[in-house]
C-alpha cells in the first residue's frame, strides 16, 4: 500500500446511485416529499463542487408512518444559469429505482421529470486528509457535492461525491484500498445511509437524522411529518444511532451487514437494535466499525452482541457530534 493511500484517494462507488429531478416544478415536488427543505438551495454549475448547508442538504424520504424509505445527499445543479431546476439526489443504488418510482407518483400534471440515472452515470468518491496536498480536478460535466468532514486517524478528511455520465472516455474502476478508506470514513461520520435492508426500519430520530441536519421541523408537510414531529416534541424515541466496533474475523465480516439484528445478553429472545452501516477499519485491519441503532436502556449495562445472543461483542464508541435532546 503506498504511504499516501490513506490520506487521499479516488474510486468508483458501486453501491451508490443517482436520481435527477428536473423541471420548473422540481423544487415544489421535493419540498412536499422530503424531510428537509429544498427551497432557496443555492445552485451549483456542472464542473463545480456544491458545498455548505446553503448548497448541500441531507434529506430523508419517509413513508406515511414516518419510517425512512430513503436517505440522500441533495444539491441543485441547473444545466445553465437560466435553465429550469435540476436536483441531484445521491442515494444507495439498491433503492434508487424504487425511490424514483415513488417520487414520480406525485408528479401528476407538474412540470417535472424524475429520472433514475444510476445505470447511465458513474458515482465516484474522493477524499483527502488535512495533511494531503492532493486534489481532484473535476470534468466540466461532473456533478459534485462535498459531504461533511470526518475526523479519523487524528486527521480531518474532506469527502466529495462525484457523478459523471458514462462514456468511452470516462472509465470507472474500483480502487480497493481507496474504497475501504471511503467506507470506513462514512461509518465513522455517524451519518446514516438507508439501504434496501434497512428501508422502513427507522423513524429519523432513531438514527440521529435530526442531529445531523437531515430534518427541518419548520418546513411544511411531507409524508410521515406528523409522526416525525411527535417523536421530537413528545420524547417518544427510546432508540438512537451509536458508533461501535468489534474484532474482525471472517465470520464477523459476514455478520456485520446492514439489517443484521443486535441482542442484549439479558434478553436473547428479542433484538435490541440493528446494524445501519458497517465497514472494516482501514488503519486497523483487526477491527470492524459499525453504525448501530440500539435501545437506550440496552446501553446502560451488560453486553450487546452482533447477530445472535452469543455473537461477537460490540464496544460502544463516542459519537462525533452532540445529539439534539428529545
Protein backbone atom coordinates (compact mmCIF):
# COMPACT_ATOMS: atom_id res chain seq x y z
CA UNK A 1 0.00 0.00 0.00
CA UNK A 2 1.53 3.36 -0.99
CA UNK A 3 2.31 5.50 2.06
CA UNK A 4 -0.16 8.20 0.97
CA UNK A 5 -3.09 5.90 0.16
CA UNK A 6 -4.91 6.51 3.42
CA UNK A 7 -4.53 10.28 3.13
CA UNK A 8 -6.14 10.70 -0.26
CA UNK A 9 -7.98 8.53 -2.75
CA UNK A 10 -10.47 8.33 -5.58
CA UNK A 11 -12.63 5.36 -6.50
CA UNK A 12 -15.85 4.25 -8.14
CA UNK A 13 -18.65 3.75 -5.61
CA UNK A 14 -20.62 0.77 -6.89
CA UNK A 15 -23.14 0.95 -4.02
CA UNK A 16 -24.25 4.50 -4.90
CA UNK A 17 -26.80 5.66 -7.46
CA UNK A 18 -28.21 8.93 -8.76
CA UNK A 19 -31.71 10.35 -9.18
CA UNK A 20 -32.27 13.55 -11.16
CA UNK A 21 -35.41 15.61 -10.60
CA UNK A 22 -35.75 18.19 -13.36
CA UNK A 23 -38.18 20.93 -14.35
CA UNK A 24 -39.71 24.18 -13.22
CA UNK A 25 -41.83 22.40 -10.58
CA UNK A 26 -39.00 20.23 -9.25
CA UNK A 27 -38.47 22.26 -6.07
CA UNK A 28 -42.20 22.23 -5.29
CA UNK A 29 -42.39 18.45 -5.71
CA UNK A 30 -39.37 17.76 -3.48
CA UNK A 31 -40.43 20.32 -0.86
CA UNK A 32 -43.65 18.36 -0.34
CA UNK A 33 -41.95 14.95 -0.14
CA UNK A 34 -38.66 15.28 1.74
CA UNK A 35 -37.81 15.78 5.43
CA UNK A 36 -35.55 18.74 4.74
CA UNK A 37 -36.26 22.00 2.93
CA UNK A 38 -35.08 22.43 -0.64
CA UNK A 39 -36.46 25.94 -1.13
CA UNK A 40 -33.72 28.54 -1.53
CA UNK A 41 -30.99 25.99 -2.18
CA UNK A 42 -28.03 27.64 -3.90
CA UNK A 43 -27.39 26.35 -7.41
CA UNK A 44 -24.04 24.90 -8.45
CA UNK A 45 -22.96 24.66 -12.09
CA UNK A 46 -21.56 21.45 -13.54
CA UNK A 47 -17.84 21.12 -13.01
CA UNK A 48 -18.01 22.94 -9.68
CA UNK A 49 -18.49 21.48 -6.20
CA UNK A 50 -21.60 22.22 -4.16
CA UNK A 51 -20.62 22.72 -0.53
CA UNK A 52 -22.01 24.07 2.70
CA UNK A 53 -25.57 23.99 4.08
CA UNK A 54 -26.70 26.60 1.58
CA UNK A 55 -25.92 24.29 -1.34
CA UNK A 56 -25.99 20.73 0.05
CA UNK A 57 -28.66 19.07 2.17
CA UNK A 58 -29.06 15.68 3.78
CA UNK A 59 -32.66 14.63 3.14
CA UNK A 60 -34.94 11.77 4.09
CA UNK A 61 -37.95 10.31 2.31
CA UNK A 62 -40.44 8.74 4.71
CA UNK A 63 -43.49 6.54 4.33
CA UNK A 64 -46.79 7.74 5.89
CA UNK A 65 -45.79 6.06 9.18
CA UNK A 66 -42.67 8.22 9.42
CA UNK A 67 -40.25 5.40 8.59
CA UNK A 68 -37.36 6.24 6.30
CA UNK A 69 -37.60 4.79 2.81
CA UNK A 70 -34.54 6.65 1.58
CA UNK A 71 -31.79 8.99 2.69
CA UNK A 72 -29.94 11.12 0.15
CA UNK A 73 -27.43 13.88 -0.32
CA UNK A 74 -29.12 16.55 -2.43
CA UNK A 75 -27.85 19.56 -4.38
CA UNK A 76 -29.17 21.81 -7.14
CA UNK A 77 -27.32 21.66 -10.46
CA UNK A 78 -29.05 23.81 -13.12
CA UNK A 79 -27.79 22.97 -16.60
CA UNK A 80 -27.24 26.69 -17.21
CA UNK A 81 -27.68 29.96 -15.35
CA UNK A 82 -31.19 30.46 -16.80
CA UNK A 83 -32.41 26.85 -17.08
CA UNK A 84 -35.06 25.02 -15.08
CA UNK A 85 -34.16 23.39 -11.81
CA UNK A 86 -32.24 20.10 -11.82
CA UNK A 87 -31.81 18.48 -8.44
CA UNK A 88 -29.43 15.57 -7.92
CA UNK A 89 -30.05 13.02 -5.18
CA UNK A 90 -27.13 10.73 -4.38
CA UNK A 91 -28.68 7.59 -2.89
CA UNK A 92 -27.92 3.93 -2.27
CA UNK A 93 -28.08 2.25 -5.67
CA UNK A 94 -30.22 -0.65 -4.45
CA UNK A 95 -33.11 1.71 -3.63
CA UNK A 96 -32.68 4.29 -6.39
CA UNK A 97 -35.24 2.77 -8.78
CA UNK A 98 -37.96 2.34 -6.13
CA UNK A 99 -37.34 5.85 -4.78
CA UNK A 100 -37.60 7.43 -8.23
CA UNK A 101 -40.77 5.45 -8.96
CA UNK A 102 -42.38 6.58 -5.72
CA UNK A 103 -41.47 10.24 -6.28
CA UNK A 104 -42.84 10.04 -9.83
CA UNK A 105 -46.24 9.03 -8.44
CA UNK A 106 -46.67 12.59 -7.19
CA UNK A 107 -45.71 14.39 -10.39
CA UNK A 108 -49.28 14.39 -11.77
CA UNK A 109 -49.52 17.41 -14.10
CA UNK A 110 -46.48 19.20 -12.70
CA UNK A 111 -43.66 20.29 -14.97
CA UNK A 112 -41.11 17.88 -13.58
CA UNK A 113 -39.36 14.64 -14.51
CA UNK A 114 -37.98 12.12 -12.03
CA UNK A 115 -35.19 10.00 -13.53
CA UNK A 116 -33.19 7.16 -12.02
CA UNK A 117 -29.96 7.53 -13.99
CA UNK A 118 -27.89 5.12 -11.88
CA UNK A 119 -27.15 2.92 -14.90
CA UNK A 120 -26.15 5.88 -17.07
CA UNK A 121 -23.94 7.76 -14.61
CA UNK A 122 -20.96 6.57 -12.57
CA UNK A 123 -20.62 7.69 -8.96
CA UNK A 124 -17.17 8.34 -7.57
CA UNK A 125 -15.88 9.12 -4.11
CA UNK A 126 -12.90 11.39 -3.49
CA UNK A 127 -11.32 12.00 -0.10
CA UNK A 128 -8.25 13.76 1.23
CA UNK A 129 -6.91 14.48 4.67
CA UNK A 130 -5.91 17.84 6.05
CA UNK A 131 -2.29 16.76 5.63
CA UNK A 132 -2.65 15.78 1.97
CA UNK A 133 -1.75 18.16 -0.83
CA UNK A 134 -3.58 16.09 -3.44
CA UNK A 135 -6.69 17.43 -5.19
CA UNK A 136 -9.15 16.04 -7.71
CA UNK A 137 -9.85 18.07 -10.85
CA UNK A 138 -13.49 17.85 -11.89
CA UNK A 139 -14.58 17.31 -15.50
CA UNK A 140 -16.74 20.14 -16.85
CA UNK A 141 -19.88 17.97 -16.94
CA UNK A 142 -19.47 16.39 -13.47
CA UNK A 143 -21.95 16.93 -10.65
CA UNK A 144 -20.16 17.08 -7.30
CA UNK A 145 -21.05 17.81 -3.72
CA UNK A 146 -18.95 17.94 -0.60
CA UNK A 147 -20.11 15.88 2.35
CA UNK A 148 -19.32 16.81 5.97
CA UNK A 149 -15.71 16.31 7.02
CA UNK A 150 -14.81 13.30 9.15
CA UNK A 151 -12.27 13.09 11.96
CA UNK A 152 -10.34 9.82 11.72
CA UNK A 153 -6.81 8.66 12.50
CA UNK A 154 -6.19 12.04 14.15
CA UNK A 155 -6.87 13.91 10.92
CA UNK A 156 -9.81 15.70 9.31
CA UNK A 157 -10.90 14.24 5.98
CA UNK A 158 -12.77 16.01 3.20
CA UNK A 159 -15.17 13.84 1.18
CA UNK A 160 -16.72 14.58 -2.20
CA UNK A 161 -19.39 12.66 -4.12
CA UNK A 162 -19.00 12.99 -7.89
CA UNK A 163 -21.38 11.90 -10.65
CA UNK A 164 -20.30 11.65 -14.27
CA UNK A 165 -22.10 10.36 -17.36
CA UNK A 166 -20.78 7.03 -18.61
CA UNK A 167 -18.83 7.23 -21.83
CA UNK A 168 -15.95 5.54 -23.59
CA UNK A 169 -13.70 8.36 -22.45
CA UNK A 170 -14.88 8.11 -18.85
CA UNK A 171 -13.71 4.79 -17.48
CA UNK A 172 -14.70 3.70 -14.00
CA UNK A 173 -12.69 1.40 -11.79
CA UNK A 174 -12.70 0.40 -8.16
CA UNK A 175 -9.58 1.07 -6.13
CA UNK A 176 -9.94 -1.45 -3.31
CA UNK A 177 -7.77 0.46 -0.84
CA UNK A 178 -9.49 3.76 -1.55
CA UNK A 179 -12.92 2.13 -1.32
CA UNK A 180 -12.06 0.63 2.05
CA UNK A 181 -10.99 4.03 3.34
CA UNK A 182 -14.09 5.74 1.90
CA UNK A 183 -16.42 3.19 3.53
CA UNK A 184 -14.54 3.46 6.81
CA UNK A 185 -14.87 7.25 6.79
CA UNK A 186 -18.58 7.01 6.02
CA UNK A 187 -19.22 4.77 9.01
CA UNK A 188 -17.09 6.92 11.33
CA UNK A 189 -19.01 10.03 10.27
CA UNK A 190 -22.01 8.56 12.15
CA UNK A 191 -24.25 9.99 9.42
CA UNK A 192 -26.56 7.14 8.41
CA UNK A 193 -27.39 5.96 4.90
CA UNK A 194 -30.50 3.92 4.21
CA UNK A 195 -30.03 0.79 2.07
CA UNK A 196 -32.51 -1.85 0.92
CA UNK A 197 -32.01 -3.96 4.04
CA UNK A 198 -32.92 -1.05 6.35
CA UNK A 199 -35.80 0.53 4.42
CA UNK A 200 -38.81 1.38 6.61
CA UNK A 201 -36.99 0.36 9.79
CA UNK A 202 -36.32 3.75 11.37
CA UNK A 203 -38.10 6.94 12.27
CA UNK A 204 -35.47 9.64 11.54
CA UNK A 205 -34.66 10.29 15.22
CA UNK A 206 -33.91 6.60 15.81
CA UNK A 207 -30.76 7.05 13.69
CA UNK A 208 -29.95 10.65 14.75
CA UNK A 209 -31.18 12.08 11.47
CA UNK A 210 -32.35 15.30 13.09
CA UNK A 211 -28.99 15.72 14.87
CA UNK A 212 -27.08 15.64 11.57
CA UNK A 213 -29.34 18.27 9.95
CA UNK A 214 -31.49 15.86 7.97
CA UNK A 215 -34.85 17.19 9.24
CA UNK A 216 -36.29 20.69 9.06
CA UNK A 217 -39.04 20.95 11.68
CA UNK A 218 -40.13 24.35 10.38
CA UNK A 219 -40.92 23.30 6.81
CA UNK A 220 -44.36 22.28 5.56
CA UNK A 221 -45.91 18.85 5.42
CA UNK A 222 -44.33 15.76 3.89
CA UNK A 223 -45.18 12.04 4.23
CA UNK A 224 -44.84 10.97 7.86
CA UNK A 225 -44.27 14.55 9.07
CA UNK A 226 -46.76 14.35 11.95
CA UNK A 227 -45.12 11.23 13.36
CA UNK A 228 -41.62 12.67 12.99
CA UNK A 229 -42.71 15.88 14.75
CA UNK A 230 -44.50 13.97 17.52
CA UNK A 231 -41.37 11.87 18.10
CA UNK A 232 -39.38 15.07 18.51
CA UNK A 233 -41.64 17.07 20.76
CA UNK A 234 -43.21 14.33 22.87
CA UNK A 235 -39.99 12.46 23.56
CA UNK A 236 -41.19 9.05 22.45
CA UNK A 237 -37.93 7.92 20.83
CA UNK A 238 -36.07 5.47 23.05
CA UNK A 239 -33.58 4.29 20.43
CA UNK A 240 -30.58 6.05 18.92
CA UNK A 241 -27.75 5.50 16.46
CA UNK A 242 -24.44 4.66 18.11
CA UNK A 243 -20.95 4.04 16.83
CA UNK A 244 -19.49 0.68 17.82
CA UNK A 245 -16.67 -1.65 16.92
CA UNK A 246 -15.80 -5.31 17.23
CA UNK A 247 -12.87 -7.57 16.42
CA UNK A 248 -12.56 -8.55 12.78
CA UNK A 249 -12.70 -12.15 11.62
CA UNK A 250 -14.04 -13.98 8.57
CA UNK A 251 -17.27 -14.79 10.38
CA UNK A 252 -17.69 -11.27 11.76
CA UNK A 253 -17.35 -9.76 8.29
CA UNK A 254 -20.24 -11.95 7.16
CA UNK A 255 -22.36 -10.83 10.13
CA UNK A 256 -21.59 -7.10 10.09
CA UNK A 257 -24.07 -6.03 7.44
CA UNK A 258 -26.95 -3.54 7.37
CA UNK A 259 -30.16 -5.02 8.72
CA UNK A 260 -28.48 -7.59 10.97
CA UNK A 261 -30.05 -7.53 14.43
CA UNK A 262 -28.38 -6.96 17.82
CA UNK A 263 -29.09 -8.81 21.06
CA UNK A 264 -28.54 -7.83 24.68
CA UNK A 265 -27.14 -10.52 26.93
CA UNK A 266 -30.07 -10.06 29.30
CA UNK A 267 -32.70 -10.90 26.67
CA UNK A 268 -31.69 -13.38 24.00
CA UNK A 269 -35.22 -13.66 22.61
CA UNK A 270 -35.79 -10.06 21.49
CA UNK A 271 -33.43 -7.93 19.36
CA UNK A 272 -32.37 -4.63 20.90
CA UNK A 273 -31.19 -2.98 17.73
CA UNK A 274 -29.92 -3.29 14.17
CA UNK A 275 -26.82 -2.60 12.10
CA UNK A 276 -27.20 0.54 9.97
CA UNK A 277 -23.80 0.50 8.22
CA UNK A 278 -20.52 -1.32 8.79
CA UNK A 279 -17.01 -1.27 7.34
CA UNK A 280 -13.54 -2.59 8.01
CA UNK A 281 -11.33 -0.01 9.66
CA UNK A 282 -8.75 0.91 7.03
CA UNK A 283 -5.98 1.66 9.52
CA UNK A 284 -6.76 -1.20 11.94
CA UNK A 285 -7.33 -4.41 9.96
CA UNK A 286 -8.31 -6.31 13.11
CA UNK A 287 -11.32 -4.02 13.70
CA UNK A 288 -14.76 -3.52 12.17
CA UNK A 289 -16.59 -0.24 12.78
CA UNK A 290 -20.38 -0.11 12.82
CA UNK A 291 -23.24 2.32 12.95
CA UNK A 292 -25.93 0.61 15.02
CA UNK A 293 -29.44 1.63 16.04
CA UNK A 294 -30.00 0.49 19.62
CA UNK A 295 -32.41 0.76 22.54
CA UNK A 296 -31.05 3.28 25.01
CA UNK A 297 -31.79 1.10 28.02
CA UNK A 298 -29.71 -1.71 26.49
CA UNK A 299 -26.67 0.54 26.73
CA UNK A 300 -26.97 1.05 30.48
CA UNK A 301 -25.39 -2.27 31.50
CA UNK A 302 -24.41 -5.63 30.09
CA UNK A 303 -23.05 -6.64 26.71
CA UNK A 304 -24.57 -6.24 23.26
CA UNK A 305 -23.94 -8.97 20.71
CA UNK A 306 -23.98 -8.94 16.94
CA UNK A 307 -26.49 -11.18 15.10
CA UNK A 308 -27.18 -13.61 17.95
CA UNK A 309 -27.11 -13.81 21.72
CA UNK A 310 -23.63 -15.36 21.65
CA UNK A 311 -22.37 -13.38 18.67
CA UNK A 312 -19.41 -11.00 18.63
CA UNK A 313 -19.46 -8.42 21.42
CA UNK A 314 -19.84 -4.77 20.40
CA UNK A 315 -17.90 -2.00 22.09
CA UNK A 316 -19.76 1.32 22.02
CA UNK A 317 -17.77 4.36 20.87
CA UNK A 318 -18.31 8.10 21.22
CA UNK A 319 -20.35 9.94 18.62
CA UNK A 320 -18.57 12.79 16.79
CA UNK A 321 -21.49 15.21 17.30
CA UNK A 322 -23.92 16.14 20.08
CA UNK A 323 -27.45 14.76 19.97
CA UNK A 324 -30.41 17.11 19.85
CA UNK A 325 -32.23 16.33 23.06
CA UNK A 326 -35.71 14.81 22.74
